[in-house]
Protein backbone atom coordinates (compact mmCIF):
# COMPACT_ATOMS: atom_id res chain seq x y z
CA ILE A 1 6.29 21.34 -45.90
CA PHE A 2 7.97 18.95 -43.46
CA PHE A 3 11.38 20.15 -44.61
CA ARG A 4 10.62 23.86 -44.07
CA GLY A 5 8.91 23.18 -40.74
CA LEU A 6 11.83 21.12 -39.49
CA PHE A 7 14.33 23.90 -40.04
CA ARG A 8 11.98 26.56 -38.64
CA ALA A 9 11.79 24.50 -35.44
CA MET A 10 15.56 24.13 -35.36
CA ALA A 11 16.06 27.86 -35.88
CA ALA A 12 13.71 28.60 -32.99
CA SER A 13 15.91 26.58 -30.62
CA GLY A 14 19.25 27.98 -31.82
CA TYR A 15 21.40 28.56 -34.92
CA SER A 16 20.77 26.37 -37.94
CA VAL A 17 22.71 26.20 -41.20
CA GLY A 18 19.39 25.56 -42.94
CA PRO A 19 18.67 23.18 -45.82
CA PRO A 20 21.48 22.19 -48.20
CA VAL A 21 21.96 24.74 -50.97
CA SER A 22 24.14 24.26 -54.04
CA ALA A 23 25.86 27.51 -54.96
CA VAL A 24 29.09 26.19 -56.44
CA VAL A 25 31.56 28.46 -58.22
CA PRO A 26 34.92 27.68 -59.85
CA ALA A 27 38.13 28.21 -57.91
CA GLY A 28 39.67 31.67 -58.29
CA GLN A 29 36.56 33.78 -57.64
CA CYS A 30 36.91 34.39 -53.89
CA VAL A 31 36.64 38.07 -52.94
CA PHE A 32 39.66 37.60 -50.66
CA GLY A 33 42.99 37.40 -52.43
CA GLU A 34 46.51 36.61 -51.27
CA GLU A 35 46.84 39.84 -49.26
CA TRP A 36 45.10 40.42 -45.94
CA SER A 37 41.78 42.24 -46.17
CA ALA A 38 39.63 43.43 -43.25
CA ALA A 39 35.98 42.38 -42.85
CA PRO A 40 33.62 43.63 -40.12
CA LEU A 41 31.77 41.40 -37.69
CA VAL A 42 28.07 42.00 -38.33
CA ALA A 43 26.46 39.30 -36.16
CA LYS A 44 27.21 36.45 -33.78
CA ALA A 45 25.05 33.55 -32.66
CA VAL A 46 25.46 31.02 -29.85
CA VAL A 47 25.27 27.40 -31.02
CA ASN A 48 26.10 25.71 -27.70
CA HIS A 49 28.24 26.21 -24.58
CA ASP A 50 31.49 26.68 -26.53
CA THR A 51 30.51 27.17 -30.18
CA ARG A 52 29.56 30.35 -32.01
CA VAL A 53 28.65 31.37 -35.54
CA PHE A 54 30.30 34.64 -36.53
CA THR A 55 28.91 36.55 -39.51
CA PHE A 56 31.33 38.86 -41.32
CA GLY A 57 30.37 41.45 -43.89
CA LEU A 58 31.78 41.90 -47.38
CA SER A 59 32.56 45.22 -49.03
CA ASP A 60 29.98 44.61 -51.78
CA ALA A 61 26.57 43.70 -50.36
CA THR A 62 25.43 42.40 -53.75
CA LYS A 63 28.14 39.75 -54.17
CA PRO A 64 28.84 36.39 -52.46
CA LEU A 65 32.11 35.30 -50.90
CA GLY A 66 32.87 33.39 -54.10
CA LEU A 67 34.62 30.48 -52.42
CA SER A 68 34.82 27.22 -54.37
CA THR A 69 33.83 23.80 -52.98
CA CYS A 70 35.95 22.57 -51.26
CA ALA A 71 38.14 25.43 -50.05
CA CYS A 72 38.84 27.49 -46.94
CA ILE A 73 39.98 30.99 -46.03
CA LEU A 74 42.61 32.15 -43.56
CA ALA A 75 41.73 34.37 -40.60
CA GLN A 76 44.19 36.51 -38.67
CA GLY A 77 43.64 37.92 -35.19
CA GLY A 78 44.71 37.94 -31.57
CA LYS A 79 48.33 37.35 -30.55
CA ASP A 80 50.35 34.29 -29.64
CA ASP A 81 52.68 34.09 -26.63
CA GLU A 82 55.38 35.94 -28.58
CA GLY A 83 53.05 38.74 -29.62
CA ASN A 84 52.61 37.63 -33.24
CA PRO A 85 49.20 37.58 -34.96
CA VAL A 86 47.54 34.16 -34.94
CA VAL A 87 46.47 32.67 -38.29
CA ARG A 88 44.02 29.77 -38.68
CA PRO A 89 42.10 28.22 -41.61
CA TYR A 90 38.30 28.26 -41.49
CA THR A 91 35.69 26.83 -43.84
CA PRO A 92 32.45 28.86 -43.97
CA VAL A 93 29.20 27.04 -43.21
CA SER A 94 27.36 29.51 -45.45
CA THR A 95 27.27 29.15 -49.23
CA ASN A 96 27.58 31.51 -52.17
CA ALA A 97 23.81 31.90 -52.06
CA MET A 98 24.45 34.32 -49.18
CA LEU A 99 25.20 37.82 -50.49
CA GLY A 100 27.27 40.49 -48.81
CA LYS A 101 28.40 38.33 -45.90
CA PHE A 102 29.56 34.87 -44.82
CA GLU A 103 29.33 32.69 -41.72
CA LEU A 104 32.02 30.87 -39.75
CA MET A 105 31.18 28.22 -37.14
CA VAL A 106 33.92 28.34 -34.52
CA LYS A 107 34.60 26.30 -31.40
CA VAL A 108 35.93 28.62 -28.68
CA TYR A 109 38.76 26.77 -26.95
CA PRO A 110 39.94 27.83 -23.45
CA GLN A 111 43.49 28.23 -24.75
CA GLY A 112 42.54 29.13 -28.33
CA LYS A 113 44.13 32.50 -29.01
CA LEU A 114 42.19 33.23 -32.19
CA SER A 115 38.86 31.71 -31.16
CA GLN A 116 39.01 33.62 -27.85
CA HIS A 117 39.79 36.79 -29.78
CA MET A 118 36.78 36.22 -32.04
CA ASP A 119 34.52 35.56 -29.10
CA GLY A 120 35.55 38.87 -27.56
CA MET A 121 34.92 40.90 -30.70
CA ALA A 122 32.16 43.50 -30.69
CA ILE A 123 29.82 44.07 -33.63
CA GLY A 124 31.66 46.36 -36.03
CA ASP A 125 35.13 45.14 -35.08
CA THR A 126 37.15 43.86 -38.03
CA MET A 127 39.18 40.73 -38.70
CA ASN A 128 41.68 40.10 -41.49
CA PHE A 129 41.09 37.37 -44.06
CA LYS A 130 42.84 36.06 -47.15
CA HIS A 131 42.60 33.12 -49.57
CA ILE A 132 45.58 31.39 -51.16
CA PRO A 133 45.81 28.62 -53.80
CA PHE A 134 46.92 26.06 -51.17
CA ASN A 135 43.53 26.47 -49.50
CA VAL A 136 41.73 25.04 -52.56
CA LYS A 137 41.12 21.32 -52.06
CA THR A 138 39.41 18.72 -54.25
CA GLN A 139 36.61 20.36 -56.21
CA TYR A 140 32.95 19.48 -56.68
CA PRO A 141 31.69 17.42 -58.49
CA PHE A 142 33.75 14.75 -56.74
CA GLY A 143 33.10 12.13 -59.39
CA LYS A 144 32.52 9.10 -57.16
CA ALA A 145 29.34 7.19 -56.32
CA LYS A 146 30.30 6.83 -52.64
CA LEU A 147 31.70 9.52 -50.36
CA GLY A 148 32.95 8.68 -46.87
CA MET A 149 33.66 11.37 -44.29
CA ILE A 150 35.72 10.99 -41.12
CA VAL A 151 35.27 13.96 -38.82
CA GLY A 152 36.57 15.13 -35.48
CA GLY A 153 35.20 18.21 -33.70
CA THR A 154 35.44 21.38 -35.78
CA GLY A 155 36.40 19.28 -38.79
CA ILE A 156 32.69 19.21 -39.57
CA THR A 157 32.76 22.60 -41.33
CA PRO A 158 34.36 21.51 -44.65
CA MET A 159 32.02 18.53 -44.64
CA ILE A 160 29.02 20.85 -44.33
CA GLN A 161 30.40 22.79 -47.31
CA ALA A 162 30.71 19.59 -49.35
CA LEU A 163 27.28 18.35 -48.27
CA HIS A 164 25.69 21.61 -49.39
CA ALA A 165 26.90 20.83 -52.92
CA VAL A 166 26.25 17.08 -52.91
CA LEU A 167 22.76 17.19 -51.38
CA GLY A 168 21.72 20.51 -52.86
CA THR A 169 22.53 19.74 -56.49
CA GLY A 170 19.66 18.29 -58.51
CA GLY A 171 20.51 14.97 -60.12
CA ASP A 172 23.45 14.22 -57.82
CA THR A 173 23.05 10.66 -56.51
CA THR A 174 26.23 10.40 -54.42
CA ALA A 175 25.75 8.26 -51.30
CA VAL A 176 27.44 9.85 -48.28
CA SER A 177 28.36 8.15 -45.01
CA MET A 178 29.98 9.97 -42.10
CA LEU A 179 31.82 8.88 -38.95
CA TYR A 180 31.84 11.83 -36.56
CA GLY A 181 33.94 11.72 -33.40
CA SER A 182 33.15 14.05 -30.47
CA ARG A 183 33.77 14.06 -26.71
CA THR A 184 30.14 14.15 -25.54
CA GLU A 185 26.72 14.56 -27.12
CA GLY A 186 26.72 18.21 -26.11
CA ASP A 187 29.99 18.73 -27.98
CA ILE A 188 28.68 17.57 -31.36
CA LEU A 189 29.03 20.57 -33.67
CA GLY A 190 26.22 21.03 -36.16
CA LYS A 191 24.19 18.14 -34.77
CA GLU A 192 20.86 19.85 -35.48
CA THR A 193 21.90 20.52 -39.06
CA LEU A 194 23.05 16.94 -39.63
CA ASP A 195 19.91 15.53 -38.01
CA GLY A 196 17.79 17.67 -40.31
CA TRP A 197 19.70 16.72 -43.42
CA CYS A 198 19.55 13.00 -42.53
CA ALA A 199 15.78 13.35 -42.06
CA SER A 200 15.32 15.05 -45.43
CA HIS A 201 17.96 13.05 -47.37
CA GLY A 202 17.95 9.76 -45.47
CA ASP A 203 18.32 7.74 -48.65
CA ARG A 204 21.69 9.39 -49.37
CA LEU A 205 23.17 10.61 -46.06
CA LYS A 206 24.03 8.41 -43.07
CA VAL A 207 25.78 9.87 -40.01
CA GLN A 208 27.23 7.77 -37.20
CA HIS A 209 28.47 9.56 -34.08
CA VAL A 210 31.21 8.15 -31.86
CA LEU A 211 31.57 9.72 -28.39
CA SER A 212 34.81 9.35 -26.46
CA HIS A 213 33.88 10.92 -23.11
CA GLU A 214 30.10 10.56 -22.85
CA PRO A 215 29.25 10.00 -19.16
CA GLU A 216 28.33 6.46 -18.17
CA GLY A 217 24.63 6.11 -17.50
CA SER A 218 23.61 8.89 -19.91
CA VAL A 219 20.75 8.40 -22.34
CA TRP A 220 23.18 8.12 -25.27
CA GLN A 221 22.46 4.93 -27.24
CA GLY A 222 25.07 5.34 -29.97
CA GLU A 223 28.71 4.36 -30.35
CA ARG A 224 31.22 5.12 -27.59
CA GLY A 225 34.99 5.22 -27.82
CA TYR A 226 37.05 6.31 -30.81
CA ILE A 227 36.98 5.95 -34.58
CA ASP A 228 38.82 2.70 -35.23
CA LYS A 229 39.26 0.00 -37.86
CA ASP A 230 36.06 -1.84 -36.98
CA ARG A 231 33.93 1.32 -37.19
CA VAL A 232 35.50 2.44 -40.47
CA ALA A 233 34.79 -1.00 -41.94
CA LYS A 234 31.23 -1.00 -40.58
CA TYR A 235 30.08 2.48 -41.53
CA LEU A 236 32.20 3.75 -44.44
CA PRO A 237 32.57 2.53 -48.05
CA ALA A 238 35.22 -0.13 -48.56
CA PRO A 239 38.23 0.73 -50.75
CA SER A 240 37.19 0.73 -54.42
CA GLU A 241 37.56 2.80 -57.57
CA ASP A 242 34.12 4.28 -56.95
CA CYS A 243 34.72 5.80 -53.50
CA VAL A 244 36.59 8.68 -51.92
CA LEU A 245 37.19 9.61 -48.27
CA PHE A 246 37.42 13.09 -46.73
CA VAL A 247 39.21 13.44 -43.38
CA CYS A 248 39.19 16.51 -41.14
CA GLY A 249 39.87 16.75 -37.43
CA PRO A 250 42.55 17.34 -34.79
CA PRO A 251 46.21 16.30 -35.33
CA PRO A 252 45.92 13.02 -33.35
CA MET A 253 43.15 11.90 -35.71
CA TYR A 254 45.33 12.47 -38.77
CA ALA A 255 48.25 10.67 -37.11
CA ALA A 256 46.15 7.61 -36.36
CA LEU A 257 44.09 7.43 -39.55
CA CYS A 258 46.00 8.83 -42.51
CA GLY A 259 49.18 10.71 -41.63
CA ASP A 260 49.96 14.41 -41.40
CA ARG A 261 47.44 16.64 -43.21
CA GLY A 262 50.24 18.55 -44.90
CA THR A 263 51.49 15.52 -46.82
CA LYS A 264 49.93 13.58 -49.67
CA GLU A 265 51.41 10.29 -48.46
CA LEU A 266 48.85 8.00 -46.85
CA THR A 267 49.84 6.17 -43.68
CA GLY A 268 48.04 4.90 -40.58
CA LEU A 269 44.81 2.97 -40.29
CA LEU A 270 43.37 3.84 -43.70
CA ALA A 271 46.53 2.74 -45.50
CA ASP A 272 46.51 -0.52 -43.55
CA MET A 273 42.89 -1.09 -44.63
CA GLY A 274 43.76 -0.82 -48.32
CA TYR A 275 42.79 2.73 -49.19
CA SER A 276 45.15 4.62 -51.51
CA ALA A 277 46.46 8.17 -51.26
CA GLU A 278 44.33 9.04 -54.31
CA GLN A 279 41.19 7.98 -52.43
CA VAL A 280 41.83 10.00 -49.25
CA TYR A 281 41.70 13.80 -49.03
CA LYS A 282 43.03 15.47 -45.90
CA PHE A 283 41.38 18.80 -45.10
């Protein structure tokens, strides 16, 4: 009763992902293939001052997106400065329990060509999507007792996808700890969802926010600054055979913590702390 009431209250104040739901499917079942396919915008919701949830429809209203966990899709829209279509990866915050549509949580950046294009779309306008093998990351079940997550900004979306599976699957006992870096409290994407999931799964999910630009004198009582060695050591599982780390955020975060997301090689802070490339997944 508490759980349902909590999310009803959250929904009344704005968009909520809802409770964690496990709807895991094997890789290779996504309705989008390696060629671009158009999907119509069927709804949009305001999360905060610069974040939206866009709901796109599928051609078959009886089938889910069919995306495996963890994986993303590519979106194409708008134009860059040279007039070429802009392509970006997005991880849905909805699960395969949703039929005939899927949801993307998107931060609308002032200079973001694709996010600005999305924000200007009218209901019924279409956007192109596709899914390629490279977009399939490590797959659930993750096989470790401890899962650490390092997140920056919009990097929360693949973590929400993973948490749906971990927390929503009966019998899964994985302990999850998250370090989530944002500029200010108002910039924390998915805060209501994470607060709700911590309240309902507090024995298994711990989230620690770190704010880099929170105004002095605000009511914020949590960590301030950036994700660094001391905070990783304090809040995340230490290197061991029974842990794995997921990292997703802006390029400077990868550079400082683990090295470029396009390479398997592990460098930076996490390498210095003793983690191995096999223990760190870059999303």
